[in-house]
């Protein structure tokens, strides 16, 4: 039997607020760096990387603007979604655990949003560094570490929800 998912006005946690501010600051710093170095960027910049972190496709300098646009759209979209936990699909939702499930759902969405945006920031930073000749390859251990963190959040969320 499906449980009704009532709308609740739950405040955003302090952890989520701090995470938002930190990721926005990193994103803004990366965009500022790109803007300050735009004229120094070569016409051809790294646009894709192989599994070894080596550049396997170059593209136009304008492609440096794609990741920021995707990152902004992702962050805004998930921020809006984060405010409506009653629209999420839940496992093990019961009348007695709705508020806890909503809080977990909001925190999960916040972590997913910010870690995904952090991944965009990292890739932008690496692309800028390679384009300017400061580094040679994508730092794969950090890239993989961010992906592992993202999937760990998903796993942590499911474990917590299944225990309710």
C-alpha atoms as a PDB file:
ATOM      1  CA  UNK A   1       0.000   0.000   0.000  1.00  0.00           C
ATOM      2  CA  UNK A   2       1.409   3.374  -1.012  1.00  0.00           C
ATOM      3  CA  UNK A   3       1.903   5.985   1.688  1.00  0.00           C
ATOM      4  CA  UNK A   4       0.709   9.493   0.935  1.00  0.00           C
ATOM      5  CA  UNK A   5       3.674  11.866   0.552  1.00  0.00           C
ATOM      6  CA  UNK A   6       2.544  15.096   2.181  1.00  0.00           C
ATOM      7  CA  UNK A   7       4.310  18.372   1.544  1.00  0.00           C
ATOM      8  CA  UNK A   8       6.507  19.446   4.435  1.00  0.00           C
ATOM      9  CA  UNK A   9       8.418  22.671   4.970  1.00  0.00           C
ATOM     10  CA  UNK A  10      11.693  21.260   6.293  1.00  0.00           C
ATOM     11  CA  UNK A  11      14.657  23.603   6.723  1.00  0.00           C
ATOM     12  CA  UNK A  12      17.920  22.922   4.917  1.00  0.00           C
ATOM     13  CA  UNK A  13      20.536  21.501   7.294  1.00  0.00           C
ATOM     14  CA  UNK A  14      23.562  23.579   8.264  1.00  0.00           C
ATOM     15  CA  UNK A  15      25.845  20.951   6.717  1.00  0.00           C
ATOM     16  CA  UNK A  16      24.015  21.328   3.400  1.00  0.00           C
ATOM     17  CA  UNK A  17      24.261  25.130   3.582  1.00  0.00           C
ATOM     18  CA  UNK A  18      28.011  25.013   4.246  1.00  0.00           C
ATOM     19  CA  UNK A  19      28.527  22.467   1.453  1.00  0.00           C
ATOM     20  CA  UNK A  20      26.606  24.742  -0.947  1.00  0.00           C
ATOM     21  CA  UNK A  21      28.722  27.783  -0.040  1.00  0.00           C
ATOM     22  CA  UNK A  22      32.014  25.888  -0.395  1.00  0.00           C
ATOM     23  CA  UNK A  23      31.148  24.415  -3.778  1.00  0.00           C
ATOM     24  CA  UNK A  24      29.797  27.737  -5.106  1.00  0.00           C
ATOM     25  CA  UNK A  25      33.031  29.429  -3.972  1.00  0.00           C
ATOM     26  CA  UNK A  26      35.155  26.809  -5.759  1.00  0.00           C
ATOM     27  CA  UNK A  27      33.005  27.072  -8.879  1.00  0.00           C
ATOM     28  CA  UNK A  28      33.262  30.878  -8.850  1.00  0.00           C
ATOM     29  CA  UNK A  29      37.044  30.681  -8.347  1.00  0.00           C
ATOM     30  CA  UNK A  30      37.356  28.344 -11.333  1.00  0.00           C
ATOM     31  CA  UNK A  31      35.226  30.634 -13.526  1.00  0.00           C
ATOM     32  CA  UNK A  32      37.239  33.663 -12.407  1.00  0.00           C
ATOM     33  CA  UNK A  33      40.480  31.853 -13.243  1.00  0.00           C
ATOM     34  CA  UNK A  34      39.114  30.962 -16.681  1.00  0.00           C
ATOM     35  CA  UNK A  35      38.021  34.560 -17.323  1.00  0.00           C
ATOM     36  CA  UNK A  36      41.374  35.981 -16.219  1.00  0.00           C
ATOM     37  CA  UNK A  37      43.290  33.563 -18.457  1.00  0.00           C
ATOM     38  CA  UNK A  38      40.912  33.477 -21.426  1.00  0.00           C
ATOM     39  CA  UNK A  39      43.203  35.506 -23.702  1.00  0.00           C
ATOM     40  CA  UNK A  40      46.155  33.226 -22.860  1.00  0.00           C
ATOM     41  CA  UNK A  41      44.242  30.072 -23.827  1.00  0.00           C
ATOM     42  CA  UNK A  42      45.294  28.499 -27.108  1.00  0.00           C
ATOM     43  CA  UNK A  43      42.738  28.134 -29.892  1.00  0.00           C
ATOM     44  CA  UNK A  44      42.734  24.349 -29.433  1.00  0.00           C
ATOM     45  CA  UNK A  45      42.122  23.067 -25.903  1.00  0.00           C
ATOM     46  CA  UNK A  46      41.719  19.567 -24.434  1.00  0.00           C
ATOM     47  CA  UNK A  47      38.123  18.453 -24.920  1.00  0.00           C
ATOM     48  CA  UNK A  48      38.172  14.758 -23.990  1.00  0.00           C
ATOM     49  CA  UNK A  49      40.373  12.406 -22.003  1.00  0.00           C
ATOM     50  CA  UNK A  50      41.096   8.702 -22.273  1.00  0.00           C
ATOM     51  CA  UNK A  51      41.068   6.265 -19.374  1.00  0.00           C
ATOM     52  CA  UNK A  52      44.746   6.998 -18.773  1.00  0.00           C
ATOM     53  CA  UNK A  53      44.085  10.732 -18.365  1.00  0.00           C
ATOM     54  CA  UNK A  54      45.732  11.603 -21.678  1.00  0.00           C
ATOM     55  CA  UNK A  55      43.995  14.076 -23.969  1.00  0.00           C
ATOM     56  CA  UNK A  56      42.443  12.140 -26.858  1.00  0.00           C
ATOM     57  CA  UNK A  57      40.510  14.989 -28.477  1.00  0.00           C
ATOM     58  CA  UNK A  58      41.104  18.690 -28.805  1.00  0.00           C
ATOM     59  CA  UNK A  59      38.430  21.242 -29.509  1.00  0.00           C
ATOM     60  CA  UNK A  60      37.727  24.926 -29.834  1.00  0.00           C
ATOM     61  CA  UNK A  61      38.469  27.279 -26.949  1.00  0.00           C
ATOM     62  CA  UNK A  62      34.707  27.905 -26.775  1.00  0.00           C
ATOM     63  CA  UNK A  63      34.283  24.329 -25.511  1.00  0.00           C
ATOM     64  CA  UNK A  64      35.731  25.510 -22.193  1.00  0.00           C
ATOM     65  CA  UNK A  65      32.358  27.169 -21.640  1.00  0.00           C
ATOM     66  CA  UNK A  66      30.353  23.933 -21.924  1.00  0.00           C
ATOM     67  CA  UNK A  67      31.253  22.494 -18.528  1.00  0.00           C
ATOM     68  CA  UNK A  68      30.428  25.706 -16.636  1.00  0.00           C
ATOM     69  CA  UNK A  69      27.058  25.872 -18.396  1.00  0.00           C
ATOM     70  CA  UNK A  70      26.340  22.215 -17.628  1.00  0.00           C
ATOM     71  CA  UNK A  71      27.506  22.717 -14.033  1.00  0.00           C
ATOM     72  CA  UNK A  72      25.260  25.750 -13.532  1.00  0.00           C
ATOM     73  CA  UNK A  73      22.232  23.984 -15.045  1.00  0.00           C
ATOM     74  CA  UNK A  74      22.896  20.886 -12.923  1.00  0.00           C
ATOM     75  CA  UNK A  75      23.353  22.874  -9.719  1.00  0.00           C
ATOM     76  CA  UNK A  76      20.223  24.982 -10.259  1.00  0.00           C
ATOM     77  CA  UNK A  77      18.091  22.007 -11.306  1.00  0.00           C
ATOM     78  CA  UNK A  78      19.113  19.868  -8.347  1.00  0.00           C
ATOM     79  CA  UNK A  79      18.765  22.851  -5.977  1.00  0.00           C
ATOM     80  CA  UNK A  80      15.148  23.266  -7.058  1.00  0.00           C
ATOM     81  CA  UNK A  81      14.500  19.531  -6.784  1.00  0.00           C
ATOM     82  CA  UNK A  82      16.104  19.449  -3.324  1.00  0.00           C
ATOM     83  CA  UNK A  83      13.330  21.754  -2.046  1.00  0.00           C
ATOM     84  CA  UNK A  84      10.565  19.281  -2.944  1.00  0.00           C
ATOM     85  CA  UNK A  85      11.332  16.018  -1.134  1.00  0.00           C
ATOM     86  CA  UNK A  86       7.695  14.943  -1.425  1.00  0.00           C
ATOM     87  CA  UNK A  87       8.312  14.414  -5.165  1.00  0.00           C
ATOM     88  CA  UNK A  88      11.113  11.863  -4.622  1.00  0.00           C
ATOM     89  CA  UNK A  89      10.665   8.109  -4.837  1.00  0.00           C
ATOM     90  CA  UNK A  90      11.347   6.407  -1.520  1.00  0.00           C
ATOM     91  CA  UNK A  91      12.178   2.931  -0.332  1.00  0.00           C
ATOM     92  CA  UNK A  92      10.494   1.816   2.884  1.00  0.00           C
ATOM     93  CA  UNK A  93       8.392   4.978   3.287  1.00  0.00           C
ATOM     94  CA  UNK A  94       5.886   4.736   6.144  1.00  0.00           C
ATOM     95  CA  UNK A  95       3.735   7.286   7.935  1.00  0.00           C
ATOM     96  CA  UNK A  96       6.052   7.120  10.968  1.00  0.00           C
ATOM     97  CA  UNK A  97       9.279   7.879   9.048  1.00  0.00           C
ATOM     98  CA  UNK A  98       8.219  10.504   6.497  1.00  0.00           C
ATOM     99  CA  UNK A  99      10.141  13.408   8.075  1.00  0.00           C
ATOM    100  CA  UNK A 100      13.318  11.333   8.446  1.00  0.00           C
ATOM    101  CA  UNK A 101      13.021  10.071   4.876  1.00  0.00           C
ATOM    102  CA  UNK A 102      12.499  13.614   3.589  1.00  0.00           C
ATOM    103  CA  UNK A 103      15.549  14.857   5.502  1.00  0.00           C
ATOM    104  CA  UNK A 104      17.671  12.000   4.132  1.00  0.00           C
ATOM    105  CA  UNK A 105      16.315  12.682   0.639  1.00  0.00           C
ATOM    106  CA  UNK A 106      17.151  16.382   0.860  1.00  0.00           C
ATOM    107  CA  UNK A 107      20.645  15.663   2.182  1.00  0.00           C
ATOM    108  CA  UNK A 108      21.204  13.012  -0.509  1.00  0.00           C
ATOM    109  CA  UNK A 109      20.118  15.439  -3.227  1.00  0.00           C
ATOM    110  CA  UNK A 110      22.367  18.158  -1.767  1.00  0.00           C
ATOM    111  CA  UNK A 111      25.389  15.857  -1.660  1.00  0.00           C
ATOM    112  CA  UNK A 112      24.724  14.573  -5.179  1.00  0.00           C
ATOM    113  CA  UNK A 113      24.362  18.142  -6.471  1.00  0.00           C
ATOM    114  CA  UNK A 114      27.521  19.407  -4.818  1.00  0.00           C
ATOM    115  CA  UNK A 115      29.755  16.425  -5.553  1.00  0.00           C
ATOM    116  CA  UNK A 116      28.631  16.457  -9.206  1.00  0.00           C
ATOM    117  CA  UNK A 117      29.399  20.179  -9.380  1.00  0.00           C
ATOM    118  CA  UNK A 118      32.725  19.566  -7.670  1.00  0.00           C
ATOM    119  CA  UNK A 119      33.505  17.035 -10.412  1.00  0.00           C
ATOM    120  CA  UNK A 120      32.742  19.710 -13.022  1.00  0.00           C
ATOM    121  CA  UNK A 121      35.021  22.175 -11.198  1.00  0.00           C
ATOM    122  CA  UNK A 122      37.835  19.615 -11.114  1.00  0.00           C
ATOM    123  CA  UNK A 123      37.542  18.831 -14.820  1.00  0.00           C
ATOM    124  CA  UNK A 124      37.397  22.545 -15.717  1.00  0.00           C
ATOM    125  CA  UNK A 125      40.473  23.218 -13.586  1.00  0.00           C
ATOM    126  CA  UNK A 126      42.365  20.358 -15.218  1.00  0.00           C
ATOM    127  CA  UNK A 127      41.350  21.429 -18.741  1.00  0.00           C
ATOM    128  CA  UNK A 128      42.546  24.962 -18.013  1.00  0.00           C
ATOM    129  CA  UNK A 129      45.844  23.680 -16.626  1.00  0.00           C
ATOM    130  CA  UNK A 130      46.484  21.433 -19.624  1.00  0.00           C
ATOM    131  CA  UNK A 131      45.505  24.171 -22.093  1.00  0.00           C
ATOM    132  CA  UNK A 132      47.955  26.580 -20.430  1.00  0.00           C
ATOM    133  CA  UNK A 133      50.736  23.958 -20.359  1.00  0.00           C
ATOM    134  CA  UNK A 134      50.846  23.804 -16.543  1.00  0.00           C
ATOM    135  CA  UNK A 135      50.027  20.074 -16.403  1.00  0.00           C
ATOM    136  CA  UNK A 136      50.103  17.304 -18.990  1.00  0.00           C
ATOM    137  CA  UNK A 137      47.279  14.898 -18.119  1.00  0.00           C
ATOM    138  CA  UNK A 138      44.054  14.660 -16.175  1.00  0.00           C
ATOM    139  CA  UNK A 139      44.771  13.655 -12.575  1.00  0.00           C
ATOM    140  CA  UNK A 140      42.997  10.293 -12.709  1.00  0.00           C
ATOM    141  CA  UNK A 141      43.354   9.389  -8.990  1.00  0.00           C
ATOM    142  CA  UNK A 142      41.513  12.582  -8.003  1.00  0.00           C
ATOM    143  CA  UNK A 143      38.945  12.116 -10.784  1.00  0.00           C
ATOM    144  CA  UNK A 144      38.271   8.538  -9.697  1.00  0.00           C
ATOM    145  CA  UNK A 145      38.218   9.617  -6.055  1.00  0.00           C
ATOM    146  CA  UNK A 146      35.440  12.130  -6.738  1.00  0.00           C
ATOM    147  CA  UNK A 147      33.454   9.485  -8.643  1.00  0.00           C
ATOM    148  CA  UNK A 148      33.928   7.008  -5.790  1.00  0.00           C
ATOM    149  CA  UNK A 149      32.713   9.671  -3.353  1.00  0.00           C
ATOM    150  CA  UNK A 150      29.625  10.253  -5.482  1.00  0.00           C
ATOM    151  CA  UNK A 151      28.771   6.551  -5.580  1.00  0.00           C
ATOM    152  CA  UNK A 152      29.574   6.187  -1.874  1.00  0.00           C
ATOM    153  CA  UNK A 153      26.934   8.831  -1.129  1.00  0.00           C
ATOM    154  CA  UNK A 154      24.396   6.793  -3.108  1.00  0.00           C
ATOM    155  CA  UNK A 155      25.360   3.629  -1.217  1.00  0.00           C
ATOM    156  CA  UNK A 156      25.300   5.382   2.155  1.00  0.00           C
ATOM    157  CA  UNK A 157      21.854   6.780   1.428  1.00  0.00           C
ATOM    158  CA  UNK A 158      20.407   3.375   0.497  1.00  0.00           C
ATOM    159  CA  UNK A 159      21.902   1.692   3.563  1.00  0.00           C
ATOM    160  CA  UNK A 160      20.494   4.384   5.864  1.00  0.00           C
ATOM    161  CA  UNK A 161      17.050   4.262   4.273  1.00  0.00           C
ATOM    162  CA  UNK A 162      16.854   0.479   4.398  1.00  0.00           C
ATOM    163  CA  UNK A 163      17.478   0.581   8.169  1.00  0.00           C
ATOM    164  CA  UNK A 164      14.424   2.771   8.808  1.00  0.00           C
END
